[in-house]
């Protein structure tokens, strides 16, 4: 059961729901390769709460600072883990918000 519904299709991340945990140390370079394997839907990944100093285009807000990743295309997110804490990632593409799993990012100091 998801969101109180008996049956609902969801889109997973690497066949996991929730998506995989990203664990890094503060100051580390983080590189995440995203391949959109959905047949007709574009997507982005938003890194909630993670600083994107001097690379705001990696924030994943569709049509604001990044063009969506089209079906069967790839995009590489690259950012520095500037702030320690517990964060999460999810899509920022309106049509997918209730269908795509989110994941967590743990940055230790």
PDB file of N, CA and C in Angstrom:
ATOM      1  N   UNK A   1       0.848  -1.168   0.000  1.00  0.00           N
ATOM      2  CA  UNK A   1       0.000   0.000   0.000  1.00  0.00           C
ATOM      3  C   UNK A   1       0.897   1.235   0.000  1.00  0.00           C
ATOM      4  N   UNK A   2       0.590   2.190  -0.858  1.00  0.00           N
ATOM      5  CA  UNK A   2       1.355   3.422  -0.966  1.00  0.00           C
ATOM      6  C   UNK A   2       0.375   4.579  -1.026  1.00  0.00           C
ATOM      7  N   UNK A   3       0.553   5.578  -0.176  1.00  0.00           N
ATOM      8  CA  UNK A   3      -0.344   6.739  -0.144  1.00  0.00           C
ATOM      9  C   UNK A   3      -1.799   6.339   0.098  1.00  0.00           C
ATOM     10  N   UNK A   4      -2.024   5.280   0.851  1.00  0.00           N
ATOM     11  CA  UNK A   4      -3.381   4.867   1.158  1.00  0.00           C
ATOM     12  C   UNK A   4      -4.111   4.160   0.044  1.00  0.00           C
ATOM     13  N   UNK A   5      -3.428   3.892  -1.042  1.00  0.00           N
ATOM     14  CA  UNK A   5      -4.057   3.184  -2.164  1.00  0.00           C
ATOM     15  C   UNK A   5      -3.608   1.741  -2.150  1.00  0.00           C
ATOM     16  N   UNK A   6      -4.521   0.879  -2.538  1.00  0.00           N
ATOM     17  CA  UNK A   6      -4.202  -0.541  -2.578  1.00  0.00           C
ATOM     18  C   UNK A   6      -3.149  -0.872  -3.617  1.00  0.00           C
ATOM     19  N   UNK A   7      -3.260  -0.261  -4.791  1.00  0.00           N
ATOM     20  CA  UNK A   7      -2.370  -0.606  -5.876  1.00  0.00           C
ATOM     21  C   UNK A   7      -1.961   0.655  -6.613  1.00  0.00           C
ATOM     22  N   UNK A   8      -0.665   0.833  -6.819  1.00  0.00           N
ATOM     23  CA  UNK A   8      -0.167   1.984  -7.554  1.00  0.00           C
ATOM     24  C   UNK A   8       1.197   1.629  -8.123  1.00  0.00           C
ATOM     25  N   UNK A   9       1.398   1.970  -9.374  1.00  0.00           N
ATOM     26  CA  UNK A   9       2.709   1.774  -9.987  1.00  0.00           C
ATOM     27  C   UNK A   9       3.631   2.894  -9.547  1.00  0.00           C
ATOM     28  N   UNK A  10       4.868   2.540  -9.261  1.00  0.00           N
ATOM     29  CA  UNK A  10       5.859   3.554  -8.934  1.00  0.00           C
ATOM     30  C   UNK A  10       7.091   3.324  -9.801  1.00  0.00           C
ATOM     31  N   UNK A  11       7.886   4.347  -9.910  1.00  0.00           N
ATOM     32  CA  UNK A  11       9.134   4.270 -10.654  1.00  0.00           C
ATOM     33  C   UNK A  11      10.250   4.196  -9.626  1.00  0.00           C
ATOM     34  N   UNK A  12      11.092   3.199  -9.738  1.00  0.00           N
ATOM     35  CA  UNK A  12      12.144   2.989  -8.757  1.00  0.00           C
ATOM     36  C   UNK A  12      13.471   3.588  -9.232  1.00  0.00           C
ATOM     37  N   UNK A  13      14.402   3.662  -8.325  1.00  0.00           N
ATOM     38  CA  UNK A  13      15.748   4.130  -8.637  1.00  0.00           C
ATOM     39  C   UNK A  13      16.682   2.945  -8.423  1.00  0.00           C
ATOM     40  N   UNK A  14      17.315   2.490  -9.493  1.00  0.00           N
ATOM     41  CA  UNK A  14      18.156   1.280  -9.450  1.00  0.00           C
ATOM     42  C   UNK A  14      17.389   0.088  -8.878  1.00  0.00           C
ATOM     43  N   UNK A  15      16.121  -0.014  -9.231  1.00  0.00           N
ATOM     44  CA  UNK A  15      15.237  -1.089  -8.763  1.00  0.00           C
ATOM     45  C   UNK A  15      15.029  -1.087  -7.255  1.00  0.00           C
ATOM     46  N   UNK A  16      15.206   0.057  -6.616  1.00  0.00           N
ATOM     47  CA  UNK A  16      15.005   0.179  -5.172  1.00  0.00           C
ATOM     48  C   UNK A  16      13.970   1.254  -4.860  1.00  0.00           C
ATOM     49  N   UNK A  17      13.199   0.999  -3.822  1.00  0.00           N
ATOM     50  CA  UNK A  17      12.297   2.007  -3.269  1.00  0.00           C
ATOM     51  C   UNK A  17      12.367   1.899  -1.761  1.00  0.00           C
ATOM     52  N   UNK A  18      12.818   2.900  -1.048  1.00  0.00           N
ATOM     53  CA  UNK A  18      13.342   4.158  -1.593  1.00  0.00           C
ATOM     54  C   UNK A  18      14.661   3.936  -2.336  1.00  0.00           C
ATOM     55  N   UNK A  19      15.122   4.992  -2.993  1.00  0.00           N
ATOM     56  CA  UNK A  19      16.365   4.919  -3.757  1.00  0.00           C
ATOM     57  C   UNK A  19      17.572   4.657  -2.875  1.00  0.00           C
ATOM     58  N   UNK A  20      18.710   4.321  -3.470  1.00  0.00           N
ATOM     59  CA  UNK A  20      19.912   4.005  -2.700  1.00  0.00           C
ATOM     60  C   UNK A  20      20.389   5.190  -1.862  1.00  0.00           C
ATOM     61  N   UNK A  21      20.983   4.878  -0.730  1.00  0.00           N
ATOM     62  CA  UNK A  21      21.568   5.901   0.140  1.00  0.00           C
ATOM     63  C   UNK A  21      22.926   6.300  -0.429  1.00  0.00           C
ATOM     64  N   UNK A  22      23.148   7.594  -0.525  1.00  0.00           N
ATOM     65  CA  UNK A  22      24.449   8.114  -0.953  1.00  0.00           C
ATOM     66  C   UNK A  22      25.172   8.555   0.307  1.00  0.00           C
ATOM     67  N   UNK A  23      26.338   7.956   0.592  1.00  0.00           N
ATOM     68  CA  UNK A  23      27.119   8.277   1.792  1.00  0.00           C
ATOM     69  C   UNK A  23      28.479   8.806   1.387  1.00  0.00           C
ATOM     70  N   UNK A  24      28.773  10.028   1.802  1.00  0.00           N
ATOM     71  CA  UNK A  24      30.064  10.646   1.493  1.00  0.00           C
ATOM     72  C   UNK A  24      30.532  11.474   2.683  1.00  0.00           C
ATOM     73  N   UNK A  25      31.789  11.887   2.636  1.00  0.00           N
ATOM     74  CA  UNK A  25      32.338  12.789   3.650  1.00  0.00           C
ATOM     75  C   UNK A  25      32.266  14.219   3.154  1.00  0.00           C
ATOM     76  N   UNK A  26      32.142  15.132   4.086  1.00  0.00           N
ATOM     77  CA  UNK A  26      32.152  16.559   3.749  1.00  0.00           C
ATOM     78  C   UNK A  26      33.422  16.864   2.964  1.00  0.00           C
ATOM     79  N   UNK A  27      33.277  17.619   1.888  1.00  0.00           N
ATOM     80  CA  UNK A  27      34.407  17.981   1.035  1.00  0.00           C
ATOM     81  C   UNK A  27      34.617  17.050  -0.143  1.00  0.00           C
ATOM     82  N   UNK A  28      33.916  15.915  -0.144  1.00  0.00           N
ATOM     83  CA  UNK A  28      34.081  14.940  -1.228  1.00  0.00           C
ATOM     84  C   UNK A  28      33.411  15.428  -2.513  1.00  0.00           C
ATOM     85  N   UNK A  29      33.974  15.021  -3.628  1.00  0.00           N
ATOM     86  CA  UNK A  29      33.343  15.252  -4.926  1.00  0.00           C
ATOM     87  C   UNK A  29      32.327  14.137  -5.141  1.00  0.00           C
ATOM     88  N   UNK A  30      31.114  14.499  -5.468  1.00  0.00           N
ATOM     89  CA  UNK A  30      30.037  13.529  -5.672  1.00  0.00           C
ATOM     90  C   UNK A  30      29.672  13.526  -7.154  1.00  0.00           C
ATOM     91  N   UNK A  31      29.674  12.358  -7.742  1.00  0.00           N
ATOM     92  CA  UNK A  31      29.304  12.206  -9.145  1.00  0.00           C
ATOM     93  C   UNK A  31      28.219  11.137  -9.219  1.00  0.00           C
ATOM     94  N   UNK A  32      27.073  11.515  -9.764  1.00  0.00           N
ATOM     95  CA  UNK A  32      25.943  10.601  -9.885  1.00  0.00           C
ATOM     96  C   UNK A  32      25.505  10.581 -11.345  1.00  0.00           C
ATOM     97  N   UNK A  33      25.594   9.416 -11.958  1.00  0.00           N
ATOM     98  CA  UNK A  33      25.171   9.245 -13.344  1.00  0.00           C
ATOM     99  C   UNK A  33      23.712   8.801 -13.365  1.00  0.00           C
ATOM    100  N   UNK A  34      22.896   9.562 -14.062  1.00  0.00           N
ATOM    101  CA  UNK A  34      21.474   9.244 -14.160  1.00  0.00           C
ATOM    102  C   UNK A  34      21.157   8.884 -15.605  1.00  0.00           C
ATOM    103  N   UNK A  35      20.565   7.714 -15.784  1.00  0.00           N
ATOM    104  CA  UNK A  35      20.104   7.297 -17.104  1.00  0.00           C
ATOM    105  C   UNK A  35      18.589   7.170 -17.012  1.00  0.00           C
ATOM    106  N   UNK A  36      17.905   7.954 -17.795  1.00  0.00           N
ATOM    107  CA  UNK A  36      16.451   7.935 -17.800  1.00  0.00           C
ATOM    108  C   UNK A  36      15.988   6.788 -18.695  1.00  0.00           C
ATOM    109  N   UNK A  37      15.530   5.714 -18.087  1.00  0.00           N
ATOM    110  CA  UNK A  37      15.074   4.556 -18.841  1.00  0.00           C
ATOM    111  C   UNK A  37      13.564   4.521 -19.010  1.00  0.00           C
ATOM    112  N   UNK A  38      12.897   5.617 -18.660  1.00  0.00           N
ATOM    113  CA  UNK A  38      11.451   5.671 -18.876  1.00  0.00           C
ATOM    114  C   UNK A  38      11.183   5.864 -20.368  1.00  0.00           C
ATOM    115  N   UNK A  39      10.174   5.205 -20.908  1.00  0.00           N
ATOM    116  CA  UNK A  39       9.961   5.250 -22.354  1.00  0.00           C
ATOM    117  C   UNK A  39       9.492   6.595 -22.898  1.00  0.00           C
ATOM    118  N   UNK A  40       8.713   7.360 -22.129  1.00  0.00           N
ATOM    119  CA  UNK A  40       8.175   8.611 -22.681  1.00  0.00           C
ATOM    120  C   UNK A  40       8.248   9.799 -21.724  1.00  0.00           C
ATOM    121  N   UNK A  41       8.767   9.629 -20.533  1.00  0.00           N
ATOM    122  CA  UNK A  41       8.738  10.683 -19.518  1.00  0.00           C
ATOM    123  C   UNK A  41      10.121  11.267 -19.264  1.00  0.00           C
ATOM    124  N   UNK A  42      10.243  12.590 -19.299  1.00  0.00           N
ATOM    125  CA  UNK A  42      11.485  13.266 -18.918  1.00  0.00           C
ATOM    126  C   UNK A  42      11.567  13.322 -17.395  1.00  0.00           C
ATOM    127  N   UNK A  43      12.761  13.592 -16.861  1.00  0.00           N
ATOM    128  CA  UNK A  43      12.938  13.614 -15.409  1.00  0.00           C
ATOM    129  C   UNK A  43      14.153  14.456 -15.030  1.00  0.00           C
ATOM    130  N   UNK A  44      14.226  14.814 -13.756  1.00  0.00           N
ATOM    131  CA  UNK A  44      15.420  15.420 -13.165  1.00  0.00           C
ATOM    132  C   UNK A  44      15.561  14.859 -11.757  1.00  0.00           C
ATOM    133  N   UNK A  45      16.705  15.104 -11.122  1.00  0.00           N
ATOM    134  CA  UNK A  45      16.898  14.741  -9.721  1.00  0.00           C
ATOM    135  C   UNK A  45      17.264  16.013  -8.972  1.00  0.00           C
ATOM    136  N   UNK A  46      16.485  16.322  -7.934  1.00  0.00           N
ATOM    137  CA  UNK A  46      16.748  17.490  -7.091  1.00  0.00           C
ATOM    138  C   UNK A  46      17.390  17.023  -5.791  1.00  0.00           C
ATOM    139  N   UNK A  47      18.459  17.683  -5.424  1.00  0.00           N
ATOM    140  CA  UNK A  47      19.223  17.346  -4.216  1.00  0.00           C
ATOM    141  C   UNK A  47      18.771  18.281  -3.115  1.00  0.00           C
ATOM    142  N   UNK A  48      17.816  17.856  -2.338  1.00  0.00           N
ATOM    143  CA  UNK A  48      17.128  18.706  -1.379  1.00  0.00           C
ATOM    144  C   UNK A  48      18.035  19.122  -0.225  1.00  0.00           C
ATOM    145  N   UNK A  49      18.297  20.433  -0.137  1.00  0.00           N
ATOM    146  CA  UNK A  49      19.079  20.987   0.967  1.00  0.00           C
ATOM    147  C   UNK A  49      20.578  20.986   0.771  1.00  0.00           C
ATOM    148  N   UNK A  50      21.058  20.399  -0.309  1.00  0.00           N
ATOM    149  CA  UNK A  50      22.494  20.332  -0.551  1.00  0.00           C
ATOM    150  C   UNK A  50      22.935  21.596  -1.278  1.00  0.00           C
ATOM    151  N   UNK A  51      23.976  22.244  -0.739  1.00  0.00           N
ATOM    152  CA  UNK A  51      24.484  23.469  -1.357  1.00  0.00           C
ATOM    153  C   UNK A  51      25.069  23.177  -2.728  1.00  0.00           C
ATOM    154  N   UNK A  52      24.825  24.075  -3.648  1.00  0.00           N
ATOM    155  CA  UNK A  52      25.345  23.952  -5.018  1.00  0.00           C
ATOM    156  C   UNK A  52      26.092  25.242  -5.377  1.00  0.00           C
ATOM    157  N   UNK A  53      27.088  25.583  -4.574  1.00  0.00           N
ATOM    158  CA  UNK A  53      27.857  26.799  -4.792  1.00  0.00           C
ATOM    159  C   UNK A  53      28.580  26.737  -6.138  1.00  0.00           C
ATOM    160  N   UNK A  54      28.388  27.747  -6.940  1.00  0.00           N
ATOM    161  CA  UNK A  54      29.021  27.878  -8.259  1.00  0.00           C
ATOM    162  C   UNK A  54      28.633  26.785  -9.257  1.00  0.00           C
ATOM    163  N   UNK A  55      27.612  26.032  -8.968  1.00  0.00           N
ATOM    164  CA  UNK A  55      27.111  25.060  -9.954  1.00  0.00           C
ATOM    165  C   UNK A  55      25.615  24.819  -9.748  1.00  0.00           C
ATOM    166  N   UNK A  56      24.867  25.897  -9.685  1.00  0.00           N
ATOM    167  CA  UNK A  56      23.430  25.830  -9.433  1.00  0.00           C
ATOM    168  C   UNK A  56      22.682  24.987 -10.456  1.00  0.00           C
ATOM    169  N   UNK A  57      23.253  24.804 -11.631  1.00  0.00           N
ATOM    170  CA  UNK A  57      22.591  24.015 -12.683  1.00  0.00           C
ATOM    171  C   UNK A  57      22.538  22.525 -12.338  1.00  0.00           C
ATOM    172  N   UNK A  58      23.218  22.122 -11.268  1.00  0.00           N
ATOM    173  CA  UNK A  58      23.177  20.722 -10.830  1.00  0.00           C
ATOM    174  C   UNK A  58      22.056  20.465  -9.822  1.00  0.00           C
ATOM    175  N   UNK A  59      21.271  21.485  -9.500  1.00  0.00           N
ATOM    176  CA  UNK A  59      20.244  21.383  -8.461  1.00  0.00           C
ATOM    177  C   UNK A  59      19.037  20.552  -8.876  1.00  0.00           C
ATOM    178  N   UNK A  60      18.811  20.389 -10.162  1.00  0.00           N
ATOM    179  CA  UNK A  60      17.769  19.485 -10.632  1.00  0.00           C
ATOM    180  C   UNK A  60      16.357  20.028 -10.663  1.00  0.00           C
ATOM    181  N   UNK A  61      16.180  21.336 -10.556  1.00  0.00           N
ATOM    182  CA  UNK A  61      14.836  21.906 -10.663  1.00  0.00           C
ATOM    183  C   UNK A  61      14.502  22.072 -12.147  1.00  0.00           C
ATOM    184  N   UNK A  62      13.630  21.216 -12.641  1.00  0.00           N
ATOM    185  CA  UNK A  62      13.312  21.182 -14.073  1.00  0.00           C
ATOM    186  C   UNK A  62      12.773  22.515 -14.564  1.00  0.00           C
ATOM    187  N   UNK A  63      13.299  22.960 -15.688  1.00  0.00           N
ATOM    188  CA  UNK A  63      12.912  24.190 -16.371  1.00  0.00           C
ATOM    189  C   UNK A  63      13.297  25.455 -15.607  1.00  0.00           C
ATOM    190  N   UNK A  64      13.930  25.334 -14.468  1.00  0.00           N
ATOM    191  CA  UNK A  64      14.395  26.501 -13.718  1.00  0.00           C
ATOM    192  C   UNK A  64      15.897  26.629 -13.878  1.00  0.00           C
ATOM    193  N   UNK A  65      16.619  25.570 -13.507  1.00  0.00           N
ATOM    194  CA  UNK A  65      18.070  25.615 -13.687  1.00  0.00           C
ATOM    195  C   UNK A  65      18.617  24.386 -14.401  1.00  0.00           C
ATOM    196  N   UNK A  66      17.727  23.545 -14.883  1.00  0.00           N
ATOM    197  CA  UNK A  66      18.176  22.376 -15.641  1.00  0.00           C
ATOM    198  C   UNK A  66      17.093  21.944 -16.619  1.00  0.00           C
ATOM    199  N   UNK A  67      17.490  21.642 -17.827  1.00  0.00           N
ATOM    200  CA  UNK A  67      16.561  21.024 -18.767  1.00  0.00           C
ATOM    201  C   UNK A  67      16.349  19.578 -18.339  1.00  0.00           C
ATOM    202  N   UNK A  68      15.150  19.063 -18.457  1.00  0.00           N
ATOM    203  CA  UNK A  68      14.902  17.680 -18.056  1.00  0.00           C
ATOM    204  C   UNK A  68      15.745  16.686 -18.866  1.00  0.00           C
ATOM    205  N   UNK A  69      15.984  15.556 -18.244  1.00  0.00           N
ATOM    206  CA  UNK A  69      16.685  14.460 -18.905  1.00  0.00           C
ATOM    207  C   UNK A  69      15.627  13.717 -19.725  1.00  0.00           C
ATOM    208  N   UNK A  70      15.778  13.743 -21.015  1.00  0.00           N
ATOM    209  CA  UNK A  70      14.790  13.132 -21.898  1.00  0.00           C
ATOM    210  C   UNK A  70      14.847  11.605 -21.819  1.00  0.00           C
ATOM    211  N   UNK A  71      13.766  10.935 -22.237  1.00  0.00           N
ATOM    212  CA  UNK A  71      13.773   9.469 -22.232  1.00  0.00           C
ATOM    213  C   UNK A  71      14.975   8.906 -22.991  1.00  0.00           C
ATOM    214  N   UNK A  72      15.577   7.890 -22.420  1.00  0.00           N
ATOM    215  CA  UNK A  72      16.720   7.176 -23.001  1.00  0.00           C
ATOM    216  C   UNK A  72      17.988   8.031 -23.075  1.00  0.00           C
ATOM    217  N   UNK A  73      18.017   9.141 -22.349  1.00  0.00           N
ATOM    218  CA  UNK A  73      19.199  10.002 -22.300  1.00  0.00           C
ATOM    219  C   UNK A  73      19.845   9.899 -20.929  1.00  0.00           C
ATOM    220  N   UNK A  74      21.067  10.443 -20.832  1.00  0.00           N
ATOM    221  CA  UNK A  74      21.809  10.402 -19.578  1.00  0.00           C
ATOM    222  C   UNK A  74      22.232  11.805 -19.170  1.00  0.00           C
ATOM    223  N   UNK A  75      22.446  11.982 -17.872  1.00  0.00           N
ATOM    224  CA  UNK A  75      22.974  13.233 -17.345  1.00  0.00           C
ATOM    225  C   UNK A  75      23.834  12.888 -16.141  1.00  0.00           C
ATOM    226  N   UNK A  76      24.955  13.577 -16.004  1.00  0.00           N
ATOM    227  CA  UNK A  76      25.843  13.357 -14.857  1.00  0.00           C
ATOM    228  C   UNK A  76      25.772  14.559 -13.935  1.00  0.00           C
ATOM    229  N   UNK A  77      25.313  14.306 -12.713  1.00  0.00           N
ATOM    230  CA  UNK A  77      25.316  15.336 -11.671  1.00  0.00           C
ATOM    231  C   UNK A  77      26.669  15.290 -10.990  1.00  0.00           C
ATOM    232  N   UNK A  78      27.240  16.457 -10.770  1.00  0.00           N
ATOM    233  CA  UNK A  78      28.551  16.542 -10.135  1.00  0.00           C
ATOM    234  C   UNK A  78      28.543  17.730  -9.192  1.00  0.00           C
ATOM    235  N   UNK A  79      28.784  17.467  -7.908  1.00  0.00           N
ATOM    236  CA  UNK A  79      28.790  18.539  -6.925  1.00  0.00           C
ATOM    237  C   UNK A  79      29.716  18.182  -5.764  1.00  0.00           C
ATOM    238  N   UNK A  80      30.067  19.193  -5.001  1.00  0.00           N
ATOM    239  CA  UNK A  80      30.936  19.004  -3.837  1.00  0.00           C
ATOM    240  C   UNK A  80      30.058  18.940  -2.590  1.00  0.00           C
ATOM    241  N   UNK A  81      30.332  17.983  -1.737  1.00  0.00           N
ATOM    242  CA  UNK A  81      29.588  17.833  -0.482  1.00  0.00           C
ATOM    243  C   UNK A  81      30.072  18.914   0.488  1.00  0.00           C
ATOM    244  N   UNK A  82      29.435  20.078   0.415  1.00  0.00           N
ATOM    245  CA  UNK A  82      29.884  21.235   1.185  1.00  0.00           C
ATOM    246  C   UNK A  82      29.407  21.250   2.626  1.00  0.00           C
ATOM    247  N   UNK A  83      28.228  20.739   2.870  1.00  0.00           N
ATOM    248  CA  UNK A  83      27.662  20.826   4.212  1.00  0.00           C
ATOM    249  C   UNK A  83      27.306  19.435   4.731  1.00  0.00           C
ATOM    250  N   UNK A  84      27.718  19.154   5.968  1.00  0.00           N
ATOM    251  CA  UNK A  84      27.420  17.860   6.589  1.00  0.00           C
ATOM    252  C   UNK A  84      25.954  17.822   7.018  1.00  0.00           C
ATOM    253  N   UNK A  85      25.369  16.638   6.980  1.00  0.00           N
ATOM    254  CA  UNK A  85      23.994  16.476   7.432  1.00  0.00           C
ATOM    255  C   UNK A  85      23.289  15.347   6.714  1.00  0.00           C
ATOM    256  N   UNK A  86      21.993  15.264   6.961  1.00  0.00           N
ATOM    257  CA  UNK A  86      21.132  14.267   6.331  1.00  0.00           C
ATOM    258  C   UNK A  86      20.230  14.989   5.337  1.00  0.00           C
ATOM    259  N   UNK A  87      20.257  14.551   4.105  1.00  0.00           N
ATOM    260  CA  UNK A  87      19.517  15.210   3.028  1.00  0.00           C
ATOM    261  C   UNK A  87      18.749  14.150   2.252  1.00  0.00           C
ATOM    262  N   UNK A  88      18.011  14.583   1.269  1.00  0.00           N
ATOM    263  CA  UNK A  88      17.298  13.631   0.432  1.00  0.00           C
ATOM    264  C   UNK A  88      17.248  14.127  -0.999  1.00  0.00           C
ATOM    265  N   UNK A  89      17.006  13.201  -1.896  1.00  0.00           N
ATOM    266  CA  UNK A  89      16.874  13.546  -3.306  1.00  0.00           C
ATOM    267  C   UNK A  89      15.555  12.987  -3.827  1.00  0.00           C
ATOM    268  N   UNK A  90      15.031  13.664  -4.836  1.00  0.00           N
ATOM    269  CA  UNK A  90      13.752  13.272  -5.419  1.00  0.00           C
ATOM    270  C   UNK A  90      13.615  13.979  -6.758  1.00  0.00           C
ATOM    271  N   UNK A  91      12.609  13.619  -7.520  1.00  0.00           N
ATOM    272  CA  UNK A  91      12.391  14.291  -8.786  1.00  0.00           C
ATOM    273  C   UNK A  91      11.782  15.665  -8.555  1.00  0.00           C
ATOM    274  N   UNK A  92      12.046  16.573  -9.452  1.00  0.00           N
ATOM    275  CA  UNK A  92      11.419  17.894  -9.410  1.00  0.00           C
ATOM    276  C   UNK A  92      10.589  18.081 -10.666  1.00  0.00           C
ATOM    277  N   UNK A  93      10.200  16.983 -11.259  1.00  0.00           N
ATOM    278  CA  UNK A  93       9.391  17.032 -12.462  1.00  0.00           C
ATOM    279  C   UNK A  93       7.957  16.759 -12.047  1.00  0.00           C
ATOM    280  N   UNK A  94       7.100  17.734 -12.206  1.00  0.00           N
ATOM    281  CA  UNK A  94       5.745  17.697 -11.645  1.00  0.00           C
ATOM    282  C   UNK A  94       4.982  16.394 -11.917  1.00  0.00           C
ATOM    283  N   UNK A  95       5.031  15.903 -13.126  1.00  0.00           N
ATOM    284  CA  UNK A  95       4.262  14.714 -13.475  1.00  0.00           C
ATOM    285  C   UNK A  95       4.730  13.470 -12.728  1.00  0.00           C
ATOM    286  N   UNK A  96       5.928  13.504 -12.154  1.00  0.00           N
ATOM    287  CA  UNK A  96       6.483  12.316 -11.506  1.00  0.00           C
ATOM    288  C   UNK A  96       6.498  12.372  -9.988  1.00  0.00           C
ATOM    289  N   UNK A  97       6.196  13.501  -9.393  1.00  0.00           N
ATOM    290  CA  UNK A  97       6.396  13.677  -7.952  1.00  0.00           C
ATOM    291  C   UNK A  97       5.762  12.594  -7.091  1.00  0.00           C
ATOM    292  N   UNK A  98       4.607  12.087  -7.465  1.00  0.00           N
ATOM    293  CA  UNK A  98       3.937  11.073  -6.646  1.00  0.00           C
ATOM    294  C   UNK A  98       4.230   9.656  -7.101  1.00  0.00           C
ATOM    295  N   UNK A  99       5.083   9.502  -8.107  1.00  0.00           N
ATOM    296  CA  UNK A  99       5.328   8.176  -8.666  1.00  0.00           C
ATOM    297  C   UNK A  99       6.750   7.689  -8.504  1.00  0.00           C
ATOM    298  N   UNK A 100       7.679   8.601  -8.258  1.00  0.00           N
ATOM    299  CA  UNK A 100       9.102   8.224  -8.218  1.00  0.00           C
ATOM    300  C   UNK A 100       9.595   8.176  -6.790  1.00  0.00           C
ATOM    301  N   UNK A 101      10.324   7.123  -6.480  1.00  0.00           N
ATOM    302  CA  UNK A 101      10.918   6.997  -5.161  1.00  0.00           C
ATOM    303  C   UNK A 101      11.973   8.062  -4.913  1.00  0.00           C
ATOM    304  N   UNK A 102      12.146   8.390  -3.654  1.00  0.00           N
ATOM    305  CA  UNK A 102      13.180   9.330  -3.242  1.00  0.00           C
ATOM    306  C   UNK A 102      14.279   8.534  -2.539  1.00  0.00           C
ATOM    307  N   UNK A 103      15.377   9.186  -2.267  1.00  0.00           N
ATOM    308  CA  UNK A 103      16.469   8.532  -1.550  1.00  0.00           C
ATOM    309  C   UNK A 103      17.124   9.522  -0.614  1.00  0.00           C
ATOM    310  N   UNK A 104      18.074   9.056   0.170  1.00  0.00           N
ATOM    311  CA  UNK A 104      18.736   9.941   1.118  1.00  0.00           C
ATOM    312  C   UNK A 104      20.213  10.095   0.774  1.00  0.00           C
ATOM    313  N   UNK A 105      20.746  11.224   1.207  1.00  0.00           N
ATOM    314  CA  UNK A 105      22.173  11.521   1.040  1.00  0.00           C
ATOM    315  C   UNK A 105      22.707  11.884   2.422  1.00  0.00           C
ATOM    316  N   UNK A 106      23.685  11.144   2.889  1.00  0.00           N
ATOM    317  CA  UNK A 106      24.282  11.373   4.204  1.00  0.00           C
ATOM    318  C   UNK A 106      25.690  11.893   4.024  1.00  0.00           C
ATOM    319  N   UNK A 107      25.938  13.097   4.515  1.00  0.00           N
ATOM    320  CA  UNK A 107      27.260  13.712   4.407  1.00  0.00           C
ATOM    321  C   UNK A 107      27.812  13.834   5.807  1.00  0.00           C
ATOM    322  N   UNK A 108      28.867  13.103   6.097  1.00  0.00           N
ATOM    323  CA  UNK A 108      29.462  13.131   7.437  1.00  0.00           C
ATOM    324  C   UNK A 108      30.624  14.122   7.475  1.00  0.00           C
ATOM    325  N   UNK A 109      30.871  14.655   8.659  1.00  0.00           N
ATOM    326  CA  UNK A 109      31.953  15.630   8.792  1.00  0.00           C
ATOM    327  C   UNK A 109      33.251  14.958   9.192  1.00  0.00           C
TER     328      UNK A 109
END
